Amino acid sequence: MNKLTGILLAACLTASGAHAGAIVDLSASASRPASNDMVRASVFSEASGKSPAELAQRVNADIAEALKLIRSKAGISVKSGQQSTYPVYGQSQKIDGWRMRSELVLESKDQSSVSDLLGKLQQMRLAVGDVSLMPSPETRRQVEDEATREAIRAFQSRAAVVAEQLGKSWKIKQLNIQQGGAMPMPMMRAARGVMMAAEAAPAPIEAGESLVTTNVSGQIELAD
């Protein structure tokens, strides 16, 4: 047997093995509700003027004061968000001034405390940006596990139905699992240039639920 014949024979054996059983593509999914037990909110300080240095001083002072209040509240985490300084152009297309904005992002499972804190921050000249509700990482993982178990059972049940109708035994050849859903649910979004009254307070937060989905797709191999 020369080298070329050996290669052709090996290819034929591989192809024969690949077609030992019929391959069937299947998919299944399962969804479970997850409690929106975490709130994420952003607050920002924004100012306009002629001098970028003066704007930075004013905005940074507002942010520093807000940080002191936020850090005094247990169970609420805070981190810096988007920060920007950009020119404002007049009718002559020349720079007429500057605008600066600095943002803080709050996260907590204590939604009532966040609601109360947002009202106090507005009294300190900060504006509320986005407020969103979502499952906490621990809650999401727990519900994802439940949905995954259910989706896999559904995949196996579907595979069994196919094999039974064809009078075959079956085994899983390939399996893909993907998670979806549970995106942050926006509660409110502040309009640009919103004015903050001293008595301003956010609307009550209603948590609700988000849907977590697991999609399972793959192939089964049927055999006699």
N, C-alpha and C. Protein backbone atom coordinates (compact mmCIF):
# COMPACT_ATOMS: atom_id res chain seq x y z
N MET A 1 0.86 -1.20 0.00
CA MET A 1 0.00 0.00 0.00
C MET A 1 0.89 1.24 0.00
N ASN A 2 0.71 2.09 -1.03
CA ASN A 2 1.53 3.30 -1.06
C ASN A 2 0.94 4.36 -0.13
N LYS A 3 1.65 5.48 -0.01
CA LYS A 3 1.25 6.52 0.95
C LYS A 3 -0.10 7.11 0.61
N LEU A 4 -0.39 7.36 -0.70
CA LEU A 4 -1.65 7.97 -1.12
C LEU A 4 -2.82 7.04 -0.81
N THR A 5 -2.64 5.72 -1.07
CA THR A 5 -3.71 4.76 -0.79
C THR A 5 -4.02 4.72 0.71
N GLY A 6 -2.97 4.78 1.53
CA GLY A 6 -3.17 4.79 2.99
C GLY A 6 -3.96 5.99 3.44
N ILE A 7 -3.69 7.16 2.87
CA ILE A 7 -4.43 8.38 3.23
C ILE A 7 -5.89 8.26 2.85
N LEU A 8 -6.18 7.74 1.63
CA LEU A 8 -7.55 7.58 1.17
C LEU A 8 -8.31 6.59 2.04
N LEU A 9 -7.66 5.49 2.44
CA LEU A 9 -8.31 4.50 3.29
C LEU A 9 -8.65 5.08 4.66
N ALA A 10 -7.73 5.86 5.23
CA ALA A 10 -7.99 6.48 6.52
C ALA A 10 -9.16 7.45 6.44
N ALA A 11 -9.24 8.18 5.32
CA ALA A 11 -10.35 9.12 5.14
C ALA A 11 -11.68 8.40 5.06
N CYS A 12 -11.71 7.27 4.37
CA CYS A 12 -12.94 6.50 4.26
C CYS A 12 -13.38 5.95 5.60
N LEU A 13 -12.43 5.47 6.41
CA LEU A 13 -12.76 4.94 7.73
C LEU A 13 -13.32 6.03 8.62
N THR A 14 -12.73 7.24 8.55
CA THR A 14 -13.22 8.37 9.35
C THR A 14 -14.63 8.74 8.95
N ALA A 15 -14.88 8.81 7.65
CA ALA A 15 -16.21 9.16 7.16
C ALA A 15 -17.23 8.12 7.58
N SER A 16 -16.83 6.84 7.53
CA SER A 16 -17.73 5.76 7.92
C SER A 16 -18.09 5.87 9.39
N GLY A 17 -17.10 6.19 10.24
CA GLY A 17 -17.35 6.35 11.67
C GLY A 17 -18.25 7.53 11.96
N ALA A 18 -18.10 8.59 11.16
CA ALA A 18 -18.90 9.80 11.38
C ALA A 18 -20.37 9.57 11.11
N HIS A 19 -20.68 8.57 10.28
CA HIS A 19 -22.07 8.30 9.92
C HIS A 19 -22.60 7.04 10.60
N ALA A 20 -22.04 6.72 11.78
CA ALA A 20 -22.48 5.53 12.49
C ALA A 20 -23.92 5.66 12.96
N GLY A 21 -24.38 6.87 13.24
CA GLY A 21 -25.75 7.08 13.68
C GLY A 21 -26.27 8.40 13.15
N ALA A 22 -27.60 8.51 13.06
CA ALA A 22 -28.19 9.75 12.58
C ALA A 22 -28.04 10.85 13.63
N ILE A 23 -27.78 12.06 13.15
CA ILE A 23 -27.61 13.21 14.04
C ILE A 23 -28.85 14.09 13.96
N VAL A 24 -29.38 14.46 15.11
CA VAL A 24 -30.58 15.30 15.17
C VAL A 24 -30.27 16.56 15.98
N ASP A 25 -30.60 17.72 15.39
CA ASP A 25 -30.45 19.00 16.09
C ASP A 25 -31.71 19.27 16.93
N LEU A 26 -31.50 19.65 18.17
CA LEU A 26 -32.62 19.94 19.06
C LEU A 26 -32.35 21.21 19.86
N SER A 27 -33.41 21.81 20.37
CA SER A 27 -33.26 22.96 21.26
C SER A 27 -34.42 22.99 22.25
N ALA A 28 -34.18 23.59 23.39
CA ALA A 28 -35.21 23.74 24.41
C ALA A 28 -34.85 24.95 25.26
N SER A 29 -35.83 25.50 25.95
CA SER A 29 -35.57 26.67 26.79
C SER A 29 -36.49 26.64 28.01
N ALA A 30 -36.10 27.38 29.02
CA ALA A 30 -36.91 27.51 30.22
C ALA A 30 -36.71 28.90 30.80
N SER A 31 -37.77 29.47 31.36
CA SER A 31 -37.70 30.81 31.94
C SER A 31 -38.23 30.78 33.37
N ARG A 32 -37.58 31.55 34.21
CA ARG A 32 -38.00 31.65 35.61
C ARG A 32 -37.99 33.12 36.02
N PRO A 33 -38.95 33.56 36.86
CA PRO A 33 -38.93 34.95 37.35
C PRO A 33 -37.89 35.12 38.45
N ALA A 34 -37.20 36.24 38.41
CA ALA A 34 -36.21 36.57 39.44
C ALA A 34 -36.59 37.90 40.07
N SER A 35 -36.58 37.95 41.37
CA SER A 35 -36.94 39.18 42.08
C SER A 35 -35.91 40.28 41.83
N ASN A 36 -36.38 41.46 41.51
CA ASN A 36 -35.49 42.62 41.35
C ASN A 36 -35.13 43.16 42.74
N ASP A 37 -34.17 42.50 43.36
CA ASP A 37 -33.85 42.84 44.75
C ASP A 37 -32.65 43.78 44.87
N MET A 38 -32.22 44.37 43.76
CA MET A 38 -31.12 45.34 43.81
C MET A 38 -31.48 46.57 42.98
N VAL A 39 -31.13 47.74 43.47
CA VAL A 39 -31.37 48.97 42.74
C VAL A 39 -30.04 49.62 42.41
N ARG A 40 -29.95 50.16 41.21
CA ARG A 40 -28.77 50.91 40.78
C ARG A 40 -29.23 52.30 40.35
N ALA A 41 -28.60 53.32 40.88
CA ALA A 41 -29.00 54.70 40.57
C ALA A 41 -27.76 55.55 40.33
N SER A 42 -27.90 56.52 39.48
CA SER A 42 -26.80 57.46 39.25
C SER A 42 -27.25 58.87 39.62
N VAL A 43 -26.33 59.61 40.22
CA VAL A 43 -26.55 61.03 40.52
C VAL A 43 -25.38 61.80 39.93
N PHE A 44 -25.62 63.05 39.59
CA PHE A 44 -24.54 63.80 38.96
C PHE A 44 -24.61 65.28 39.34
N SER A 45 -23.44 65.90 39.24
CA SER A 45 -23.33 67.34 39.38
C SER A 45 -22.92 67.89 38.02
N GLU A 46 -23.59 68.94 37.59
CA GLU A 46 -23.30 69.52 36.28
C GLU A 46 -23.31 71.04 36.40
N ALA A 47 -22.35 71.68 35.76
CA ALA A 47 -22.25 73.14 35.83
C ALA A 47 -21.71 73.69 34.52
N SER A 48 -22.08 74.92 34.21
CA SER A 48 -21.61 75.60 33.01
C SER A 48 -20.98 76.93 33.39
N GLY A 49 -20.00 77.37 32.62
CA GLY A 49 -19.34 78.64 32.90
C GLY A 49 -18.21 78.91 31.93
N LYS A 50 -17.51 79.98 32.18
CA LYS A 50 -16.43 80.40 31.29
C LYS A 50 -15.11 79.72 31.60
N SER A 51 -14.89 79.37 32.86
CA SER A 51 -13.59 78.84 33.28
C SER A 51 -13.69 77.36 33.64
N PRO A 52 -12.98 76.49 32.90
CA PRO A 52 -12.98 75.06 33.25
C PRO A 52 -12.47 74.80 34.66
N ALA A 53 -11.51 75.60 35.12
CA ALA A 53 -10.96 75.40 36.45
C ALA A 53 -12.00 75.68 37.53
N GLU A 54 -12.78 76.75 37.34
CA GLU A 54 -13.83 77.08 38.31
C GLU A 54 -14.94 76.02 38.29
N LEU A 55 -15.27 75.53 37.10
CA LEU A 55 -16.28 74.48 37.00
C LEU A 55 -15.84 73.23 37.75
N ALA A 56 -14.57 72.85 37.54
CA ALA A 56 -14.05 71.67 38.21
C ALA A 56 -14.11 71.82 39.72
N GLN A 57 -13.80 73.01 40.21
CA GLN A 57 -13.85 73.25 41.65
C GLN A 57 -15.26 73.09 42.19
N ARG A 58 -16.25 73.65 41.48
CA ARG A 58 -17.64 73.57 41.92
C ARG A 58 -18.17 72.14 41.87
N VAL A 59 -17.94 71.47 40.74
CA VAL A 59 -18.46 70.11 40.56
C VAL A 59 -17.80 69.14 41.52
N ASN A 60 -16.46 69.25 41.64
CA ASN A 60 -15.75 68.34 42.54
C ASN A 60 -16.16 68.53 44.00
N ALA A 61 -16.49 69.77 44.36
CA ALA A 61 -16.95 70.03 45.73
C ALA A 61 -18.31 69.37 45.98
N ASP A 62 -19.20 69.44 44.98
CA ASP A 62 -20.50 68.79 45.10
C ASP A 62 -20.34 67.27 45.24
N ILE A 63 -19.46 66.69 44.42
CA ILE A 63 -19.25 65.24 44.44
C ILE A 63 -18.63 64.80 45.77
N ALA A 64 -17.67 65.58 46.27
CA ALA A 64 -17.03 65.24 47.54
C ALA A 64 -18.04 65.27 48.68
N GLU A 65 -18.93 66.26 48.68
CA GLU A 65 -19.95 66.36 49.72
C GLU A 65 -20.93 65.19 49.62
N ALA A 66 -21.28 64.83 48.39
CA ALA A 66 -22.19 63.70 48.20
C ALA A 66 -21.57 62.39 48.66
N LEU A 67 -20.29 62.21 48.39
CA LEU A 67 -19.60 60.99 48.79
C LEU A 67 -19.61 60.81 50.31
N LYS A 68 -19.43 61.91 51.04
CA LYS A 68 -19.46 61.83 52.50
C LYS A 68 -20.79 61.29 52.99
N LEU A 69 -21.88 61.80 52.41
CA LEU A 69 -23.21 61.35 52.82
C LEU A 69 -23.44 59.89 52.44
N ILE A 70 -23.08 59.53 51.20
CA ILE A 70 -23.33 58.16 50.73
C ILE A 70 -22.54 57.16 51.56
N ARG A 71 -21.28 57.46 51.85
CA ARG A 71 -20.43 56.53 52.60
C ARG A 71 -20.87 56.38 54.06
N SER A 72 -21.68 57.31 54.52
CA SER A 72 -22.17 57.20 55.89
C SER A 72 -23.37 56.25 55.99
N LYS A 73 -23.87 55.82 54.86
CA LYS A 73 -25.03 54.93 54.83
C LYS A 73 -24.57 53.48 54.65
N ALA A 74 -24.90 52.63 55.59
CA ALA A 74 -24.50 51.22 55.51
C ALA A 74 -25.29 50.50 54.42
N GLY A 75 -24.63 49.57 53.74
CA GLY A 75 -25.31 48.74 52.76
C GLY A 75 -25.47 49.36 51.39
N ILE A 76 -24.87 50.53 51.17
CA ILE A 76 -24.95 51.19 49.86
C ILE A 76 -23.53 51.37 49.33
N SER A 77 -23.25 50.78 48.18
CA SER A 77 -21.93 50.93 47.56
C SER A 77 -21.97 52.07 46.56
N VAL A 78 -20.81 52.69 46.33
CA VAL A 78 -20.74 53.82 45.41
C VAL A 78 -19.44 53.75 44.62
N LYS A 79 -19.50 54.16 43.37
CA LYS A 79 -18.31 54.24 42.53
C LYS A 79 -18.47 55.41 41.56
N SER A 80 -17.35 55.87 41.03
CA SER A 80 -17.40 56.98 40.08
C SER A 80 -18.00 56.50 38.77
N GLY A 81 -18.81 57.36 38.15
CA GLY A 81 -19.39 57.06 36.85
C GLY A 81 -18.72 57.89 35.76
N GLN A 82 -19.48 58.28 34.78
CA GLN A 82 -18.93 59.05 33.67
C GLN A 82 -18.58 60.47 34.11
N GLN A 83 -17.48 60.97 33.57
CA GLN A 83 -17.06 62.34 33.82
C GLN A 83 -16.70 62.98 32.49
N SER A 84 -17.14 64.21 32.30
CA SER A 84 -16.88 64.87 31.01
C SER A 84 -16.79 66.37 31.17
N THR A 85 -15.94 66.97 30.34
CA THR A 85 -15.83 68.42 30.22
C THR A 85 -15.77 68.73 28.73
N TYR A 86 -16.67 69.57 28.25
CA TYR A 86 -16.68 69.85 26.82
C TYR A 86 -17.08 71.31 26.56
N PRO A 87 -16.66 71.84 25.42
CA PRO A 87 -16.94 73.25 25.12
C PRO A 87 -18.38 73.47 24.68
N VAL A 88 -18.86 74.68 24.93
CA VAL A 88 -20.18 75.11 24.46
C VAL A 88 -19.94 76.21 23.43
N TYR A 89 -20.45 76.00 22.22
CA TYR A 89 -20.18 76.94 21.14
C TYR A 89 -21.32 77.94 20.99
N GLY A 90 -20.95 79.19 20.68
CA GLY A 90 -21.93 80.24 20.43
C GLY A 90 -22.34 80.27 18.98
N GLN A 91 -23.11 81.31 18.61
CA GLN A 91 -23.60 81.44 17.24
C GLN A 91 -22.47 81.62 16.23
N SER A 92 -21.36 82.16 16.67
CA SER A 92 -20.22 82.38 15.76
C SER A 92 -19.36 81.14 15.62
N GLN A 93 -19.81 80.01 16.20
CA GLN A 93 -19.07 78.75 16.18
C GLN A 93 -17.75 78.82 16.94
N LYS A 94 -17.64 79.82 17.81
CA LYS A 94 -16.48 79.91 18.68
C LYS A 94 -16.89 79.45 20.08
N ILE A 95 -15.90 79.02 20.84
CA ILE A 95 -16.18 78.53 22.18
C ILE A 95 -16.71 79.67 23.04
N ASP A 96 -17.93 79.47 23.55
CA ASP A 96 -18.57 80.50 24.36
C ASP A 96 -18.50 80.18 25.85
N GLY A 97 -18.17 78.95 26.18
CA GLY A 97 -18.09 78.53 27.58
C GLY A 97 -17.80 77.05 27.66
N TRP A 98 -17.95 76.53 28.86
CA TRP A 98 -17.65 75.11 29.10
C TRP A 98 -18.74 74.48 29.96
N ARG A 99 -18.90 73.19 29.82
CA ARG A 99 -19.84 72.45 30.67
C ARG A 99 -19.11 71.22 31.22
N MET A 100 -19.27 71.00 32.51
CA MET A 100 -18.64 69.86 33.16
C MET A 100 -19.68 69.05 33.88
N ARG A 101 -19.50 67.74 33.84
CA ARG A 101 -20.43 66.82 34.52
C ARG A 101 -19.63 65.67 35.15
N SER A 102 -19.99 65.34 36.38
CA SER A 102 -19.36 64.22 37.09
C SER A 102 -20.46 63.39 37.73
N GLU A 103 -20.32 62.07 37.64
CA GLU A 103 -21.40 61.17 38.03
C GLU A 103 -20.95 60.17 39.09
N LEU A 104 -21.86 59.80 39.95
CA LEU A 104 -21.66 58.73 40.93
C LEU A 104 -22.73 57.66 40.71
N VAL A 105 -22.34 56.40 40.87
CA VAL A 105 -23.26 55.28 40.69
C VAL A 105 -23.43 54.55 42.01
N LEU A 106 -24.67 54.41 42.45
CA LEU A 106 -24.99 53.75 43.72
C LEU A 106 -25.63 52.39 43.45
N GLU A 107 -25.31 51.41 44.28
CA GLU A 107 -25.95 50.09 44.21
C GLU A 107 -26.28 49.61 45.61
N SER A 108 -27.44 48.98 45.77
CA SER A 108 -27.81 48.46 47.08
C SER A 108 -29.01 47.53 46.94
N LYS A 109 -29.13 46.62 47.92
CA LYS A 109 -30.32 45.78 48.01
C LYS A 109 -31.36 46.42 48.93
N ASP A 110 -30.97 47.52 49.58
CA ASP A 110 -31.89 48.25 50.46
C ASP A 110 -32.53 49.38 49.66
N GLN A 111 -33.63 49.05 48.99
CA GLN A 111 -34.22 50.00 48.06
C GLN A 111 -34.84 51.21 48.75
N SER A 112 -35.40 51.03 49.92
CA SER A 112 -35.99 52.16 50.63
C SER A 112 -34.93 53.16 51.07
N SER A 113 -33.75 52.65 51.48
CA SER A 113 -32.66 53.55 51.88
C SER A 113 -32.15 54.33 50.68
N VAL A 114 -32.06 53.68 49.52
CA VAL A 114 -31.61 54.38 48.31
C VAL A 114 -32.62 55.46 47.93
N SER A 115 -33.91 55.15 48.01
CA SER A 115 -34.93 56.13 47.69
C SER A 115 -34.81 57.36 48.59
N ASP A 116 -34.61 57.14 49.89
CA ASP A 116 -34.46 58.24 50.84
C ASP A 116 -33.18 59.03 50.57
N LEU A 117 -32.09 58.29 50.25
CA LEU A 117 -30.81 58.95 49.99
C LEU A 117 -30.87 59.81 48.74
N LEU A 118 -31.56 59.36 47.71
CA LEU A 118 -31.66 60.15 46.48
C LEU A 118 -32.35 61.48 46.75
N GLY A 119 -33.37 61.46 47.61
CA GLY A 119 -34.03 62.71 47.96
C GLY A 119 -33.08 63.68 48.65
N LYS A 120 -32.23 63.17 49.56
CA LYS A 120 -31.28 64.04 50.26
C LYS A 120 -30.20 64.56 49.33
N LEU A 121 -29.77 63.72 48.39
CA LEU A 121 -28.73 64.17 47.45
C LEU A 121 -29.26 65.26 46.53
N GLN A 122 -30.53 65.20 46.19
CA GLN A 122 -31.10 66.26 45.35
C GLN A 122 -31.13 67.59 46.10
N GLN A 123 -31.30 67.54 47.41
CA GLN A 123 -31.26 68.76 48.20
C GLN A 123 -29.85 69.35 48.26
N MET A 124 -28.85 68.54 47.90
CA MET A 124 -27.45 69.00 47.90
C MET A 124 -27.02 69.43 46.50
N ARG A 125 -27.99 69.75 45.63
CA ARG A 125 -27.74 70.26 44.29
C ARG A 125 -27.31 69.16 43.30
N LEU A 126 -27.45 67.90 43.65
CA LEU A 126 -27.18 66.85 42.69
C LEU A 126 -28.48 66.45 41.99
N ALA A 127 -28.36 66.04 40.75
CA ALA A 127 -29.51 65.57 39.98
C ALA A 127 -29.48 64.05 39.90
N VAL A 128 -30.67 63.47 39.82
CA VAL A 128 -30.78 62.02 39.67
C VAL A 128 -30.77 61.68 38.18
N GLY A 129 -29.91 60.75 37.80
CA GLY A 129 -29.85 60.32 36.41
C GLY A 129 -30.75 59.12 36.20
N ASP A 130 -30.16 57.95 36.02
CA ASP A 130 -30.93 56.72 35.81
C ASP A 130 -31.17 55.99 37.12
N VAL A 131 -32.34 55.38 37.25
CA VAL A 131 -32.63 54.48 38.37
C VAL A 131 -33.15 53.18 37.75
N SER A 132 -32.45 52.08 38.02
CA SER A 132 -32.82 50.79 37.44
C SER A 132 -32.91 49.73 38.53
N LEU A 133 -33.79 48.77 38.29
CA LEU A 133 -33.95 47.63 39.20
C LEU A 133 -33.53 46.36 38.49
N MET A 134 -32.93 45.43 39.23
CA MET A 134 -32.45 44.19 38.64
C MET A 134 -32.25 43.15 39.73
N PRO A 135 -32.15 41.87 39.35
CA PRO A 135 -31.80 40.86 40.34
C PRO A 135 -30.35 41.05 40.78
N SER A 136 -30.07 40.83 42.05
CA SER A 136 -28.69 40.87 42.53
C SER A 136 -27.94 39.68 41.92
N PRO A 137 -26.60 39.73 41.88
CA PRO A 137 -25.84 38.61 41.32
C PRO A 137 -26.17 37.27 41.95
N GLU A 138 -26.36 37.25 43.29
CA GLU A 138 -26.68 35.98 43.96
C GLU A 138 -28.05 35.46 43.54
N THR A 139 -29.02 36.36 43.47
CA THR A 139 -30.38 35.96 43.07
C THR A 139 -30.38 35.47 41.63
N ARG A 140 -29.67 36.18 40.76
CA ARG A 140 -29.63 35.78 39.35
C ARG A 140 -29.00 34.41 39.19
N ARG A 141 -27.89 34.16 39.89
CA ARG A 141 -27.23 32.85 39.77
C ARG A 141 -28.15 31.73 40.22
N GLN A 142 -28.86 31.94 41.32
CA GLN A 142 -29.76 30.91 41.84
C GLN A 142 -30.87 30.61 40.84
N VAL A 143 -31.49 31.66 40.27
CA VAL A 143 -32.57 31.45 39.32
C VAL A 143 -32.05 30.87 38.01
N GLU A 144 -30.84 31.30 37.58
CA GLU A 144 -30.24 30.72 36.38
C GLU A 144 -30.03 29.22 36.54
N ASP A 145 -29.59 28.80 37.73
CA ASP A 145 -29.39 27.37 37.97
C ASP A 145 -30.72 26.61 37.85
N GLU A 146 -31.78 27.19 38.41
CA GLU A 146 -33.09 26.55 38.33
C GLU A 146 -33.56 26.45 36.88
N ALA A 147 -33.41 27.55 36.12
CA ALA A 147 -33.83 27.55 34.72
C ALA A 147 -32.98 26.59 33.89
N THR A 148 -31.69 26.47 34.23
CA THR A 148 -30.81 25.56 33.50
C THR A 148 -31.23 24.11 33.71
N ARG A 149 -31.53 23.75 34.95
CA ARG A 149 -31.99 22.38 35.22
C ARG A 149 -33.26 22.07 34.43
N GLU A 150 -34.19 23.03 34.42
CA GLU A 150 -35.45 22.82 33.72
C GLU A 150 -35.25 22.71 32.21
N ALA A 151 -34.37 23.56 31.66
CA ALA A 151 -34.12 23.54 30.22
C ALA A 151 -33.45 22.23 29.79
N ILE A 152 -32.51 21.74 30.60
CA ILE A 152 -31.85 20.47 30.28
C ILE A 152 -32.83 19.32 30.33
N ARG A 153 -33.72 19.33 31.34
CA ARG A 153 -34.74 18.28 31.41
C ARG A 153 -35.64 18.33 30.17
N ALA A 154 -35.97 19.55 29.72
CA ALA A 154 -36.81 19.69 28.53
C ALA A 154 -36.08 19.17 27.29
N PHE A 155 -34.77 19.44 27.20
CA PHE A 155 -33.97 18.94 26.07
C PHE A 155 -33.96 17.41 26.07
N GLN A 156 -33.73 16.82 27.24
CA GLN A 156 -33.70 15.36 27.34
C GLN A 156 -35.06 14.75 27.00
N SER A 157 -36.14 15.40 27.45
CA SER A 157 -37.48 14.90 27.16
C SER A 157 -37.75 14.94 25.66
N ARG A 158 -37.33 16.01 25.02
CA ARG A 158 -37.54 16.13 23.57
C ARG A 158 -36.72 15.09 22.82
N ALA A 159 -35.49 14.87 23.28
CA ALA A 159 -34.65 13.85 22.65
C ALA A 159 -35.27 12.47 22.78
N ALA A 160 -35.83 12.18 23.96
CA ALA A 160 -36.45 10.88 24.19
C ALA A 160 -37.66 10.68 23.28
N VAL A 161 -38.44 11.73 23.05
CA VAL A 161 -39.61 11.63 22.18
C VAL A 161 -39.18 11.30 20.75
N VAL A 162 -38.16 11.99 20.27
CA VAL A 162 -37.66 11.75 18.90
C VAL A 162 -37.16 10.31 18.77
N ALA A 163 -36.34 9.89 19.72
CA ALA A 163 -35.78 8.54 19.65
C ALA A 163 -36.87 7.46 19.75
N GLU A 164 -37.85 7.69 20.61
CA GLU A 164 -38.93 6.72 20.77
C GLU A 164 -39.73 6.54 19.49
N GLN A 165 -40.03 7.67 18.84
CA GLN A 165 -40.82 7.60 17.62
C GLN A 165 -40.07 6.89 16.49
N LEU A 166 -38.75 6.95 16.52
CA LEU A 166 -37.93 6.30 15.48
C LEU A 166 -37.44 4.93 15.91
N GLY A 167 -37.78 4.53 17.14
CA GLY A 167 -37.36 3.23 17.61
C GLY A 167 -35.85 3.11 17.78
N LYS A 168 -35.23 4.18 18.24
CA LYS A 168 -33.78 4.22 18.39
C LYS A 168 -33.40 4.54 19.83
N SER A 169 -32.18 4.20 20.19
CA SER A 169 -31.60 4.70 21.42
C SER A 169 -30.86 6.00 21.07
N TRP A 170 -30.51 6.78 22.08
CA TRP A 170 -29.88 8.06 21.78
C TRP A 170 -28.86 8.43 22.85
N LYS A 171 -27.96 9.32 22.46
CA LYS A 171 -27.00 9.91 23.38
C LYS A 171 -26.69 11.33 22.93
N ILE A 172 -26.32 12.17 23.88
CA ILE A 172 -25.99 13.56 23.56
C ILE A 172 -24.63 13.61 22.89
N LYS A 173 -24.59 14.27 21.75
CA LYS A 173 -23.33 14.43 21.02
C LYS A 173 -22.72 15.81 21.28
N GLN A 174 -23.58 16.81 21.40
CA GLN A 174 -23.10 18.19 21.61
C GLN A 174 -24.17 18.97 22.36
N LEU A 175 -23.76 19.84 23.27
CA LEU A 175 -24.72 20.62 24.06
C LEU A 175 -24.18 22.03 24.28
N ASN A 176 -25.02 23.03 24.00
CA ASN A 176 -24.68 24.43 24.24
C ASN A 176 -25.71 25.04 25.17
N ILE A 177 -25.25 25.78 26.17
CA ILE A 177 -26.14 26.40 27.14
C ILE A 177 -25.87 27.90 27.16
N GLN A 178 -26.93 28.69 26.99
CA GLN A 178 -26.80 30.15 26.99
C GLN A 178 -27.83 30.76 27.92
N GLN A 179 -27.40 31.79 28.64
CA GLN A 179 -28.28 32.50 29.56
C GLN A 179 -28.75 33.80 28.93
N GLY A 180 -29.95 34.21 29.29
CA GLY A 180 -30.47 35.47 28.76
C GLY A 180 -31.47 36.08 29.72
N GLY A 181 -31.94 37.27 29.36
CA GLY A 181 -32.95 37.96 30.18
C GLY A 181 -32.35 38.68 31.36
N ALA A 182 -33.22 39.15 32.25
CA ALA A 182 -32.86 39.85 33.49
C ALA A 182 -32.02 41.10 33.23
N MET A 183 -32.37 41.84 32.19
CA MET A 183 -31.70 43.12 31.96
C MET A 183 -32.22 44.15 32.96
N PRO A 184 -31.39 45.16 33.30
CA PRO A 184 -31.87 46.19 34.23
C PRO A 184 -33.17 46.83 33.76
N MET A 185 -34.11 46.99 34.66
CA MET A 185 -35.39 47.59 34.34
C MET A 185 -35.37 49.06 34.74
N PRO A 186 -35.34 49.97 33.77
CA PRO A 186 -35.26 51.40 34.12
C PRO A 186 -36.53 51.88 34.82
N MET A 187 -36.33 52.60 35.91
CA MET A 187 -37.45 53.18 36.64
C MET A 187 -37.68 54.63 36.23
N MET A 188 -36.58 55.36 36.02
CA MET A 188 -36.71 56.76 35.64
C MET A 188 -35.41 57.22 35.02
N ARG A 189 -35.50 58.23 34.19
CA ARG A 189 -34.32 58.83 33.56
C ARG A 189 -34.50 60.34 33.60
N ALA A 190 -33.55 61.03 34.18
CA ALA A 190 -33.68 62.48 34.34
C ALA A 190 -33.49 63.19 33.01
N ALA A 191 -34.28 64.22 32.78
CA ALA A 191 -34.11 65.03 31.59
C ALA A 191 -32.89 65.92 31.75
N ARG A 192 -32.25 66.25 30.63
CA ARG A 192 -31.06 67.10 30.69
C ARG A 192 -31.44 68.47 31.24
N GLY A 193 -30.59 68.99 32.13
CA GLY A 193 -30.83 70.31 32.67
C GLY A 193 -31.96 70.36 33.68
N VAL A 194 -32.29 69.22 34.28
CA VAL A 194 -33.39 69.18 35.24
C VAL A 194 -33.08 70.10 36.42
N MET A 195 -34.09 70.83 36.91
CA MET A 195 -33.94 71.70 38.06
C MET A 195 -34.35 70.94 39.31
N MET A 196 -33.63 71.14 40.38
CA MET A 196 -33.85 70.38 41.61
C MET A 196 -34.40 71.29 42.69
N ALA A 197 -35.64 71.06 43.08
CA ALA A 197 -36.22 71.82 44.18
C ALA A 197 -35.76 71.23 45.50
N ALA A 198 -35.77 72.04 46.56
CA ALA A 198 -35.28 71.57 47.85
C ALA A 198 -36.11 70.41 48.37
N GLU A 199 -37.40 70.40 48.02
CA GLU A 199 -38.26 69.34 48.52
C GLU A 199 -38.32 68.14 47.57
N ALA A 200 -37.49 68.15 46.49
CA ALA A 200 -37.54 67.08 45.50
C ALA A 200 -37.24 65.74 46.14
N ALA A 201 -37.97 64.71 45.69
CA ALA A 201 -37.76 63.35 46.18
C ALA A 201 -38.14 62.39 45.09
N PRO A 202 -37.44 61.26 44.97
CA PRO A 202 -37.75 60.30 43.93
C PRO A 202 -39.07 59.60 44.20
N ALA A 203 -39.66 59.06 43.14
CA ALA A 203 -40.91 58.31 43.29
C ALA A 203 -40.63 57.02 44.04
N PRO A 204 -41.63 56.49 44.74
CA PRO A 204 -41.44 55.20 45.43
C PRO A 204 -40.97 54.14 44.45
N ILE A 205 -40.10 53.24 44.92
CA ILE A 205 -39.53 52.20 44.07
C ILE A 205 -40.32 50.91 44.24
N GLU A 206 -40.85 50.40 43.14
CA GLU A 206 -41.57 49.13 43.14
C GLU A 206 -40.70 48.10 42.45
N ALA A 207 -40.26 47.09 43.18
CA ALA A 207 -39.22 46.19 42.67
C ALA A 207 -39.68 45.35 41.48
N GLY A 208 -40.73 44.56 41.64
CA GLY A 208 -41.18 43.71 40.56
C GLY A 208 -40.22 42.55 40.30
N GLU A 209 -40.33 41.95 39.12
CA GLU A 209 -39.51 40.79 38.77
C GLU A 209 -38.97 40.92 37.35
N SER A 210 -37.89 40.21 37.09
CA SER A 210 -37.33 40.09 35.75
C SER A 210 -37.34 38.62 35.35
N LEU A 211 -37.42 38.37 34.06
CA LEU A 211 -37.46 37.00 33.58
C LEU A 211 -36.06 36.54 33.19
N VAL A 212 -35.62 35.44 33.77
CA VAL A 212 -34.32 34.84 33.46
C VAL A 212 -34.57 33.62 32.58
N THR A 213 -33.88 33.54 31.45
CA THR A 213 -34.09 32.46 30.49
C THR A 213 -32.80 31.69 30.22
N THR A 214 -32.92 30.38 30.14
CA THR A 214 -31.80 29.52 29.74
C THR A 214 -32.19 28.82 28.44
N ASN A 215 -31.34 28.93 27.44
CA ASN A 215 -31.54 28.26 26.15
C ASN A 215 -30.53 27.13 26.02
N VAL A 216 -31.02 25.94 25.71
CA VAL A 216 -30.17 24.77 25.51
C VAL A 216 -30.34 24.29 24.08
N SER A 217 -29.26 24.17 23.36
CA SER A 217 -29.29 23.64 22.00
C SER A 217 -28.17 22.63 21.85
N GLY A 218 -28.34 21.74 20.91
CA GLY A 218 -27.29 20.74 20.72
C GLY A 218 -27.69 19.66 19.73
N GLN A 219 -26.96 18.58 19.75
CA GLN A 219 -27.21 17.47 18.85
C GLN A 219 -27.27 16.16 19.64
N ILE A 220 -28.16 15.27 19.20
CA ILE A 220 -28.16 13.91 19.73
C ILE A 220 -27.83 12.96 18.60
N GLU A 221 -27.26 11.84 18.96
CA GLU A 221 -26.94 10.81 17.97
C GLU A 221 -27.84 9.60 18.22
N LEU A 222 -28.54 9.18 17.16
CA LEU A 222 -29.44 8.05 17.25
C LEU A 222 -28.73 6.78 16.81
N ALA A 223 -28.97 5.71 17.54
CA ALA A 223 -28.35 4.43 17.19
C ALA A 223 -29.38 3.33 17.38
N ASP A 224 -29.18 2.19 16.70
CA ASP A 224 -30.09 1.05 16.84
C ASP A 224 -29.99 0.46 18.23
